[in-house]
Each structure stands twice: as C-alpha cells, then as structure tokens.
C-alpha cells in the first residue's frame, strides 16, 4: 500500500465548506451578535483585515452543518429588526425561539449556570427583547459528551428571564452598539482587549493585530498579563 498526502483535495473541501456556509463573507455590521461578541473583532471583520483560517472554517462548518441536520423541516428563521439592530434566531418552532449550539466541551457541567457562556445568555436575552417575550429554548449538542468512550449528547433547556435581566442586557447591547458604530464611522478600531470577554482573545485570528494596535495605544493585553501571573 502507498499513501500520499493530498493537499489539493483538502483545499477543495475546505473552500467548498467556506462557500456553502458563506464563512468568508462579511456579515452586516448591525447584527445582534456584533454587539455581544468582541467589538474590535467585529470592526476588523468589516475591514477584512484577515480571512478565517482553516481551523475556523472547519469549526464554523461543523456548527452550521449540524444545525442544518438538527433543525426540523417545519421550523422558521425570520429576520427581525428593531432599534437599528437585526436579529435572526436559529429557528422558531411552535412559535418559540430556539438557539442551537455545538461544543467540544464536556457535558458534565451542563446544569451549572456559571458554565453557560455569557455570549449565549446575552444573545438569548437580546432576542427576547427584540421579540417581546421572556422565554428562550436552547439546544446544545456536546460532540464529546461526558462518557468514555466519548459519545455525542443533546441537552435541551428553556431559559426564563426576568424583565430586569432583559432590560439591563439591552442597555449593555446599546452601549456596545455605540462603541462599534462610532469606530466604524471614524475608521478607528475599538480599544483592543477592553471591548470583549477575555476568553474571546485566546484563539482569535486577530490577536497579533490587536497586540500591534494595543502597543500603539499603550494598552496592556490583560490576557497576557494573566498568563504571566500564572507562571510567576
């Protein structure tokens, strides 16, 4: 038997996935998620400072592909616009908002609220505000489960948010919107490492770009400082 690496085939498959799910296309800057995730990254995405790498293409494609498989045929995904922000839930099923997430993390901490990513909660609360309700269904596919050998597991929950939760979150979203909109209007990126959650920086393709911008601004990379403290 003779086996030879075939990079041309790999490139063809990755390009197909990127085209199929429009992974390399620049999304509208006024999408709800743009005001929840890193504003500096959203700014750089608009300026097309860097294309998604192969690992990101695979991760996005797996998420979109599994979402397609998990979405019932009778589900809808309407586009909602409110206060200059657009929002599209993953699906509306039986008149209820649903979000589908896939993760390689273990499912063992699923029922511990602190382990639900802030960005997921912020997005669901933002969606509740935009559609005028207080309930949101979440479907999570844990691709590695929590058993040995690893087996995929699906967990489904309904989140009930208070009016105060939803209102406070929306105020934060509007503040984030002002930061990003102002940056895009002036052509200057939001201050790196100060307009995001710390975990967003770890594997971001713009990390080197942000470090360069931060150095010019005299801003410290908190993530790097935290790493230094762990080793000293």
C-alpha atoms as a PDB file:
ATOM      1  CA  UNK A   1       0.000   0.000   0.000  1.00  0.00           C
ATOM      2  CA  UNK A   2       1.147   3.523  -0.802  1.00  0.00           C
ATOM      3  CA  UNK A   3      -0.381   6.602   0.792  1.00  0.00           C
ATOM      4  CA  UNK A   4       0.324  10.190  -0.294  1.00  0.00           C
ATOM      5  CA  UNK A   5      -0.912  13.432   1.252  1.00  0.00           C
ATOM      6  CA  UNK A   6      -3.441  15.207  -0.993  1.00  0.00           C
ATOM      7  CA  UNK A   7      -3.438  18.922  -0.079  1.00  0.00           C
ATOM      8  CA  UNK A   8      -5.311  19.840  -3.280  1.00  0.00           C
ATOM      9  CA  UNK A   9      -8.305  17.734  -2.214  1.00  0.00           C
ATOM     10  CA  UNK A  10      -8.210  19.187   1.301  1.00  0.00           C
ATOM     11  CA  UNK A  11      -8.180  22.707  -0.140  1.00  0.00           C
ATOM     12  CA  UNK A  12     -11.136  21.872  -2.398  1.00  0.00           C
ATOM     13  CA  UNK A  13     -13.186  20.523   0.528  1.00  0.00           C
ATOM     14  CA  UNK A  14     -12.380  23.494   2.786  1.00  0.00           C
ATOM     15  CA  UNK A  15     -13.177  26.000   0.041  1.00  0.00           C
ATOM     16  CA  UNK A  16     -16.453  24.187  -0.629  1.00  0.00           C
ATOM     17  CA  UNK A  17     -17.427  24.427   3.046  1.00  0.00           C
ATOM     18  CA  UNK A  18     -16.457  28.099   3.205  1.00  0.00           C
ATOM     19  CA  UNK A  19     -18.563  28.847   0.107  1.00  0.00           C
ATOM     20  CA  UNK A  20     -21.504  26.678   1.179  1.00  0.00           C
ATOM     21  CA  UNK A  21     -21.886  28.412   4.527  1.00  0.00           C
ATOM     22  CA  UNK A  22     -20.578  31.815   3.376  1.00  0.00           C
ATOM     23  CA  UNK A  23     -17.942  31.705   6.097  1.00  0.00           C
ATOM     24  CA  UNK A  24     -15.620  34.157   4.386  1.00  0.00           C
ATOM     25  CA  UNK A  25     -18.334  36.686   3.583  1.00  0.00           C
ATOM     26  CA  UNK A  26     -18.512  39.857   5.672  1.00  0.00           C
ATOM     27  CA  UNK A  27     -21.766  39.946   7.623  1.00  0.00           C
ATOM     28  CA  UNK A  28     -23.820  43.089   8.207  1.00  0.00           C
ATOM     29  CA  UNK A  29     -22.204  45.185  10.958  1.00  0.00           C
ATOM     30  CA  UNK A  30     -25.526  45.768  12.723  1.00  0.00           C
ATOM     31  CA  UNK A  31     -26.307  42.143  13.605  1.00  0.00           C
ATOM     32  CA  UNK A  32     -27.181  41.474  17.261  1.00  0.00           C
ATOM     33  CA  UNK A  33     -24.142  39.230  17.746  1.00  0.00           C
ATOM     34  CA  UNK A  34     -21.838  42.060  16.604  1.00  0.00           C
ATOM     35  CA  UNK A  35     -22.821  43.971  19.752  1.00  0.00           C
ATOM     36  CA  UNK A  36     -22.386  40.972  22.056  1.00  0.00           C
ATOM     37  CA  UNK A  37     -19.101  39.445  20.931  1.00  0.00           C
ATOM     38  CA  UNK A  38     -15.809  41.359  20.610  1.00  0.00           C
ATOM     39  CA  UNK A  39     -16.383  44.804  19.082  1.00  0.00           C
ATOM     40  CA  UNK A  40     -12.749  45.053  17.953  1.00  0.00           C
ATOM     41  CA  UNK A  41     -13.120  41.784  16.032  1.00  0.00           C
ATOM     42  CA  UNK A  42     -16.398  42.967  14.504  1.00  0.00           C
ATOM     43  CA  UNK A  43     -14.636  46.143  13.351  1.00  0.00           C
ATOM     44  CA  UNK A  44     -11.705  44.204  11.846  1.00  0.00           C
ATOM     45  CA  UNK A  45     -14.111  41.776  10.152  1.00  0.00           C
ATOM     46  CA  UNK A  46     -15.722  44.736   8.395  1.00  0.00           C
ATOM     47  CA  UNK A  47     -12.307  45.937   7.268  1.00  0.00           C
ATOM     48  CA  UNK A  48     -11.430  42.373   6.148  1.00  0.00           C
ATOM     49  CA  UNK A  49      -8.128  42.508   7.987  1.00  0.00           C
ATOM     50  CA  UNK A  50      -7.809  38.710   7.948  1.00  0.00           C
ATOM     51  CA  UNK A  51      -9.629  35.750   6.437  1.00  0.00           C
ATOM     52  CA  UNK A  52     -10.785  32.821   8.619  1.00  0.00           C
ATOM     53  CA  UNK A  53      -8.065  30.172   8.845  1.00  0.00           C
ATOM     54  CA  UNK A  54      -8.693  26.512   8.011  1.00  0.00           C
ATOM     55  CA  UNK A  55      -9.416  25.603  11.634  1.00  0.00           C
ATOM     56  CA  UNK A  56     -12.052  28.331  11.878  1.00  0.00           C
ATOM     57  CA  UNK A  57     -13.628  27.234   8.594  1.00  0.00           C
ATOM     58  CA  UNK A  58     -13.930  23.693   9.965  1.00  0.00           C
ATOM     59  CA  UNK A  59     -15.397  24.830  13.287  1.00  0.00           C
ATOM     60  CA  UNK A  60     -17.963  27.118  11.630  1.00  0.00           C
ATOM     61  CA  UNK A  61     -18.840  24.473   9.028  1.00  0.00           C
ATOM     62  CA  UNK A  62     -19.369  21.812  11.702  1.00  0.00           C
ATOM     63  CA  UNK A  63     -21.629  24.170  13.637  1.00  0.00           C
ATOM     64  CA  UNK A  64     -23.681  25.209  10.594  1.00  0.00           C
ATOM     65  CA  UNK A  65     -23.841  21.670   9.206  1.00  0.00           C
ATOM     66  CA  UNK A  66     -25.027  20.127  12.471  1.00  0.00           C
ATOM     67  CA  UNK A  67     -27.532  22.954  12.871  1.00  0.00           C
ATOM     68  CA  UNK A  68     -28.975  22.075   9.460  1.00  0.00           C
ATOM     69  CA  UNK A  69     -29.282  18.421  10.474  1.00  0.00           C
ATOM     70  CA  UNK A  70     -30.881  19.223  13.853  1.00  0.00           C
ATOM     71  CA  UNK A  71     -33.391  21.786  12.517  1.00  0.00           C
ATOM     72  CA  UNK A  72     -36.893  20.338  11.939  1.00  0.00           C
ATOM     73  CA  UNK A  73     -38.343  20.923   8.474  1.00  0.00           C
ATOM     74  CA  UNK A  74     -41.290  22.942   9.803  1.00  0.00           C
ATOM     75  CA  UNK A  75     -39.051  25.437  11.618  1.00  0.00           C
ATOM     76  CA  UNK A  76     -38.683  29.050  10.500  1.00  0.00           C
ATOM     77  CA  UNK A  77     -35.866  31.595  10.897  1.00  0.00           C
ATOM     78  CA  UNK A  78     -37.341  35.092  10.383  1.00  0.00           C
ATOM     79  CA  UNK A  79     -35.238  38.245  10.227  1.00  0.00           C
ATOM     80  CA  UNK A  80     -36.192  40.746  12.932  1.00  0.00           C
ATOM     81  CA  UNK A  81     -35.119  44.397  13.021  1.00  0.00           C
ATOM     82  CA  UNK A  82     -35.510  46.731  15.994  1.00  0.00           C
ATOM     83  CA  UNK A  83     -33.760  49.954  17.016  1.00  0.00           C
ATOM     84  CA  UNK A  84     -31.281  49.625  14.169  1.00  0.00           C
ATOM     85  CA  UNK A  85     -30.293  46.066  15.094  1.00  0.00           C
ATOM     86  CA  UNK A  86     -31.075  42.943  13.081  1.00  0.00           C
ATOM     87  CA  UNK A  87     -31.560  39.516  14.624  1.00  0.00           C
ATOM     88  CA  UNK A  88     -32.315  36.057  13.292  1.00  0.00           C
ATOM     89  CA  UNK A  89     -32.970  33.198  15.738  1.00  0.00           C
ATOM     90  CA  UNK A  90     -31.592  29.814  14.727  1.00  0.00           C
ATOM     91  CA  UNK A  91     -35.193  28.651  14.454  1.00  0.00           C
ATOM     92  CA  UNK A  92     -38.750  29.377  15.509  1.00  0.00           C
ATOM     93  CA  UNK A  93     -40.534  26.147  16.406  1.00  0.00           C
ATOM     94  CA  UNK A  94     -44.139  26.113  17.634  1.00  0.00           C
ATOM     95  CA  UNK A  95     -43.933  29.915  17.984  1.00  0.00           C
ATOM     96  CA  UNK A  96     -40.912  29.622  20.295  1.00  0.00           C
ATOM     97  CA  UNK A  97     -37.389  30.984  19.845  1.00  0.00           C
ATOM     98  CA  UNK A  98     -34.695  28.313  19.720  1.00  0.00           C
ATOM     99  CA  UNK A  99     -30.927  28.525  19.645  1.00  0.00           C
ATOM    100  CA  UNK A 100     -28.720  25.602  18.588  1.00  0.00           C
ATOM    101  CA  UNK A 101     -25.160  25.367  19.882  1.00  0.00           C
ATOM    102  CA  UNK A 102     -22.452  22.772  19.345  1.00  0.00           C
ATOM    103  CA  UNK A 103     -19.434  22.430  21.594  1.00  0.00           C
ATOM    104  CA  UNK A 104     -16.458  20.161  22.193  1.00  0.00           C
ATOM    105  CA  UNK A 105     -16.601  20.838  25.927  1.00  0.00           C
ATOM    106  CA  UNK A 106     -17.696  18.122  28.322  1.00  0.00           C
ATOM    107  CA  UNK A 107     -21.388  17.908  29.158  1.00  0.00           C
ATOM    108  CA  UNK A 108     -20.655  17.227  32.841  1.00  0.00           C
ATOM    109  CA  UNK A 109     -21.113  20.904  33.781  1.00  0.00           C
ATOM    110  CA  UNK A 110     -24.222  21.490  31.676  1.00  0.00           C
ATOM    111  CA  UNK A 111     -26.540  22.128  34.629  1.00  0.00           C
ATOM    112  CA  UNK A 112     -24.155  24.542  36.345  1.00  0.00           C
ATOM    113  CA  UNK A 113     -25.331  28.015  35.328  1.00  0.00           C
ATOM    114  CA  UNK A 114     -21.844  29.514  35.615  1.00  0.00           C
ATOM    115  CA  UNK A 115     -20.654  27.295  32.751  1.00  0.00           C
ATOM    116  CA  UNK A 116     -23.169  28.673  30.238  1.00  0.00           C
ATOM    117  CA  UNK A 117     -21.177  31.164  28.093  1.00  0.00           C
ATOM    118  CA  UNK A 118     -22.043  34.819  28.711  1.00  0.00           C
ATOM    119  CA  UNK A 119     -22.364  35.377  24.974  1.00  0.00           C
ATOM    120  CA  UNK A 120     -25.087  32.713  24.698  1.00  0.00           C
ATOM    121  CA  UNK A 121     -27.068  34.300  27.530  1.00  0.00           C
ATOM    122  CA  UNK A 122     -26.607  37.843  26.207  1.00  0.00           C
ATOM    123  CA  UNK A 123     -27.808  36.770  22.755  1.00  0.00           C
ATOM    124  CA  UNK A 124     -30.877  34.974  24.091  1.00  0.00           C
ATOM    125  CA  UNK A 125     -31.835  37.925  26.305  1.00  0.00           C
ATOM    126  CA  UNK A 126     -31.309  40.263  23.351  1.00  0.00           C
ATOM    127  CA  UNK A 127     -33.549  38.064  21.215  1.00  0.00           C
ATOM    128  CA  UNK A 128     -36.217  38.102  23.909  1.00  0.00           C
ATOM    129  CA  UNK A 129     -36.176  41.914  23.921  1.00  0.00           C
ATOM    130  CA  UNK A 130     -36.460  42.083  20.143  1.00  0.00           C
ATOM    131  CA  UNK A 131     -39.384  39.652  20.013  1.00  0.00           C
ATOM    132  CA  UNK A 132     -41.130  40.872  23.163  1.00  0.00           C
ATOM    133  CA  UNK A 133     -41.019  37.736  25.285  1.00  0.00           C
ATOM    134  CA  UNK A 134     -39.067  36.295  28.217  1.00  0.00           C
ATOM    135  CA  UNK A 135     -38.525  32.632  27.306  1.00  0.00           C
ATOM    136  CA  UNK A 136     -35.890  31.066  25.076  1.00  0.00           C
ATOM    137  CA  UNK A 137     -35.225  27.408  24.234  1.00  0.00           C
ATOM    138  CA  UNK A 138     -31.605  26.267  23.981  1.00  0.00           C
ATOM    139  CA  UNK A 139     -30.441  23.091  22.245  1.00  0.00           C
ATOM    140  CA  UNK A 140     -26.832  22.123  22.965  1.00  0.00           C
ATOM    141  CA  UNK A 141     -25.020  19.312  21.171  1.00  0.00           C
ATOM    142  CA  UNK A 142     -21.999  18.165  23.155  1.00  0.00           C
ATOM    143  CA  UNK A 143     -19.973  16.430  20.483  1.00  0.00           C
ATOM    144  CA  UNK A 144     -17.736  14.678  23.021  1.00  0.00           C
ATOM    145  CA  UNK A 145     -20.417  14.055  25.669  1.00  0.00           C
ATOM    146  CA  UNK A 146     -19.049  13.194  29.108  1.00  0.00           C
ATOM    147  CA  UNK A 147     -18.536   9.456  28.920  1.00  0.00           C
ATOM    148  CA  UNK A 148     -15.679   7.173  27.872  1.00  0.00           C
ATOM    149  CA  UNK A 149     -15.549   6.488  25.006  1.00  0.00           C
ATOM    150  CA  UNK A 150     -16.862   9.959  24.022  1.00  0.00           C
ATOM    151  CA  UNK A 151     -20.398   9.916  22.621  1.00  0.00           C
ATOM    152  CA  UNK A 152     -22.403  12.948  21.400  1.00  0.00           C
ATOM    153  CA  UNK A 153     -25.196  14.096  23.703  1.00  0.00           C
ATOM    154  CA  UNK A 154     -28.034  16.586  23.249  1.00  0.00           C
ATOM    155  CA  UNK A 155     -29.385  18.691  26.095  1.00  0.00           C
ATOM    156  CA  UNK A 156     -32.448  20.932  25.749  1.00  0.00           C
ATOM    157  CA  UNK A 157     -33.450  23.633  28.235  1.00  0.00           C
ATOM    158  CA  UNK A 158     -35.863  26.531  28.462  1.00  0.00           C
ATOM    159  CA  UNK A 159     -34.495  29.756  29.945  1.00  0.00           C
ATOM    160  CA  UNK A 160     -36.840  32.154  31.731  1.00  0.00           C
ATOM    161  CA  UNK A 161     -35.511  35.704  32.029  1.00  0.00           C
ATOM    162  CA  UNK A 162     -36.879  38.482  34.215  1.00  0.00           C
ATOM    163  CA  UNK A 163     -37.838  41.854  32.741  1.00  0.00           C
ATOM    164  CA  UNK A 164     -34.888  43.360  34.619  1.00  0.00           C
ATOM    165  CA  UNK A 165     -32.481  40.775  33.118  1.00  0.00           C
ATOM    166  CA  UNK A 166     -33.691  41.587  29.605  1.00  0.00           C
ATOM    167  CA  UNK A 167     -33.741  45.376  30.089  1.00  0.00           C
ATOM    168  CA  UNK A 168     -30.281  45.538  31.709  1.00  0.00           C
ATOM    169  CA  UNK A 169     -28.840  43.367  28.952  1.00  0.00           C
ATOM    170  CA  UNK A 170     -30.375  45.575  26.259  1.00  0.00           C
ATOM    171  CA  UNK A 171     -28.814  48.700  27.788  1.00  0.00           C
ATOM    172  CA  UNK A 172     -25.433  46.944  27.567  1.00  0.00           C
ATOM    173  CA  UNK A 173     -26.085  45.983  23.936  1.00  0.00           C
ATOM    174  CA  UNK A 174     -26.946  49.579  23.015  1.00  0.00           C
ATOM    175  CA  UNK A 175     -23.748  50.803  24.704  1.00  0.00           C
ATOM    176  CA  UNK A 176     -21.745  48.237  22.747  1.00  0.00           C
ATOM    177  CA  UNK A 177     -23.536  49.334  19.574  1.00  0.00           C
ATOM    178  CA  UNK A 178     -22.446  52.938  20.149  1.00  0.00           C
ATOM    179  CA  UNK A 179     -18.821  51.773  20.561  1.00  0.00           C
ATOM    180  CA  UNK A 180     -18.798  49.749  17.331  1.00  0.00           C
ATOM    181  CA  UNK A 181     -20.858  52.213  15.271  1.00  0.00           C
ATOM    182  CA  UNK A 182     -18.596  55.091  16.324  1.00  0.00           C
ATOM    183  CA  UNK A 183     -15.483  53.072  15.474  1.00  0.00           C
ATOM    184  CA  UNK A 184     -16.809  52.185  12.012  1.00  0.00           C
ATOM    185  CA  UNK A 185     -17.830  55.793  11.359  1.00  0.00           C
ATOM    186  CA  UNK A 186     -14.429  57.149  12.390  1.00  0.00           C
ATOM    187  CA  UNK A 187     -12.438  54.296  10.857  1.00  0.00           C
ATOM    188  CA  UNK A 188     -10.636  53.620  14.146  1.00  0.00           C
ATOM    189  CA  UNK A 189     -10.880  50.208  15.882  1.00  0.00           C
ATOM    190  CA  UNK A 190     -12.346  49.948  19.392  1.00  0.00           C
ATOM    191  CA  UNK A 191      -9.653  49.626  22.054  1.00  0.00           C
ATOM    192  CA  UNK A 192      -8.355  46.022  21.953  1.00  0.00           C
ATOM    193  CA  UNK A 193      -8.870  43.737  24.971  1.00  0.00           C
ATOM    194  CA  UNK A 194     -11.338  46.178  26.533  1.00  0.00           C
ATOM    195  CA  UNK A 195     -14.415  45.544  24.389  1.00  0.00           C
ATOM    196  CA  UNK A 196     -14.773  41.787  24.725  1.00  0.00           C
ATOM    197  CA  UNK A 197     -14.797  38.880  27.138  1.00  0.00           C
ATOM    198  CA  UNK A 198     -11.304  37.592  27.979  1.00  0.00           C
ATOM    199  CA  UNK A 199     -11.965  34.111  26.568  1.00  0.00           C
ATOM    200  CA  UNK A 200     -12.632  35.555  23.099  1.00  0.00           C
ATOM    201  CA  UNK A 201      -8.995  36.578  22.694  1.00  0.00           C
ATOM    202  CA  UNK A 202      -7.374  33.209  23.266  1.00  0.00           C
ATOM    203  CA  UNK A 203      -7.769  31.713  19.787  1.00  0.00           C
ATOM    204  CA  UNK A 204      -8.784  34.819  17.846  1.00  0.00           C
ATOM    205  CA  UNK A 205      -7.132  35.270  14.436  1.00  0.00           C
ATOM    206  CA  UNK A 206      -6.768  38.980  15.167  1.00  0.00           C
ATOM    207  CA  UNK A 207      -4.683  38.519  18.309  1.00  0.00           C
ATOM    208  CA  UNK A 208      -1.472  39.711  16.668  1.00  0.00           C
ATOM    209  CA  UNK A 209      -3.309  42.631  15.042  1.00  0.00           C
ATOM    210  CA  UNK A 210      -4.814  43.635  18.385  1.00  0.00           C
ATOM    211  CA  UNK A 211      -1.433  43.379  20.100  1.00  0.00           C
ATOM    212  CA  UNK A 212       0.019  45.736  17.492  1.00  0.00           C
ATOM    213  CA  UNK A 213      -2.852  48.212  17.889  1.00  0.00           C
ATOM    214  CA  UNK A 214      -2.699  47.959  21.678  1.00  0.00           C
ATOM    215  CA  UNK A 215       1.041  48.640  21.700  1.00  0.00           C
ATOM    216  CA  UNK A 216       0.485  51.764  19.610  1.00  0.00           C
ATOM    217  CA  UNK A 217      -2.273  52.873  22.014  1.00  0.00           C
ATOM    218  CA  UNK A 218      -0.273  51.984  25.117  1.00  0.00           C
ATOM    219  CA  UNK A 219      -2.894  49.453  26.178  1.00  0.00           C
ATOM    220  CA  UNK A 220      -1.972  46.240  28.025  1.00  0.00           C
ATOM    221  CA  UNK A 221      -3.185  42.817  26.920  1.00  0.00           C
ATOM    222  CA  UNK A 222      -4.902  41.607  30.081  1.00  0.00           C
ATOM    223  CA  UNK A 223      -4.839  38.028  28.813  1.00  0.00           C
ATOM    224  CA  UNK A 224      -1.053  38.100  28.528  1.00  0.00           C
ATOM    225  CA  UNK A 225      -0.732  39.699  31.956  1.00  0.00           C
ATOM    226  CA  UNK A 226      -2.881  36.951  33.488  1.00  0.00           C
ATOM    227  CA  UNK A 227      -0.680  34.301  31.847  1.00  0.00           C
ATOM    228  CA  UNK A 228       2.440  35.939  33.295  1.00  0.00           C
ATOM    229  CA  UNK A 229       0.950  35.840  36.794  1.00  0.00           C
ATOM    230  CA  UNK A 230       0.280  32.109  36.461  1.00  0.00           C
ATOM    231  CA  UNK A 231       3.946  31.430  35.715  1.00  0.00           C
ATOM    232  CA  UNK A 232       5.478  33.652  38.398  1.00  0.00           C
END
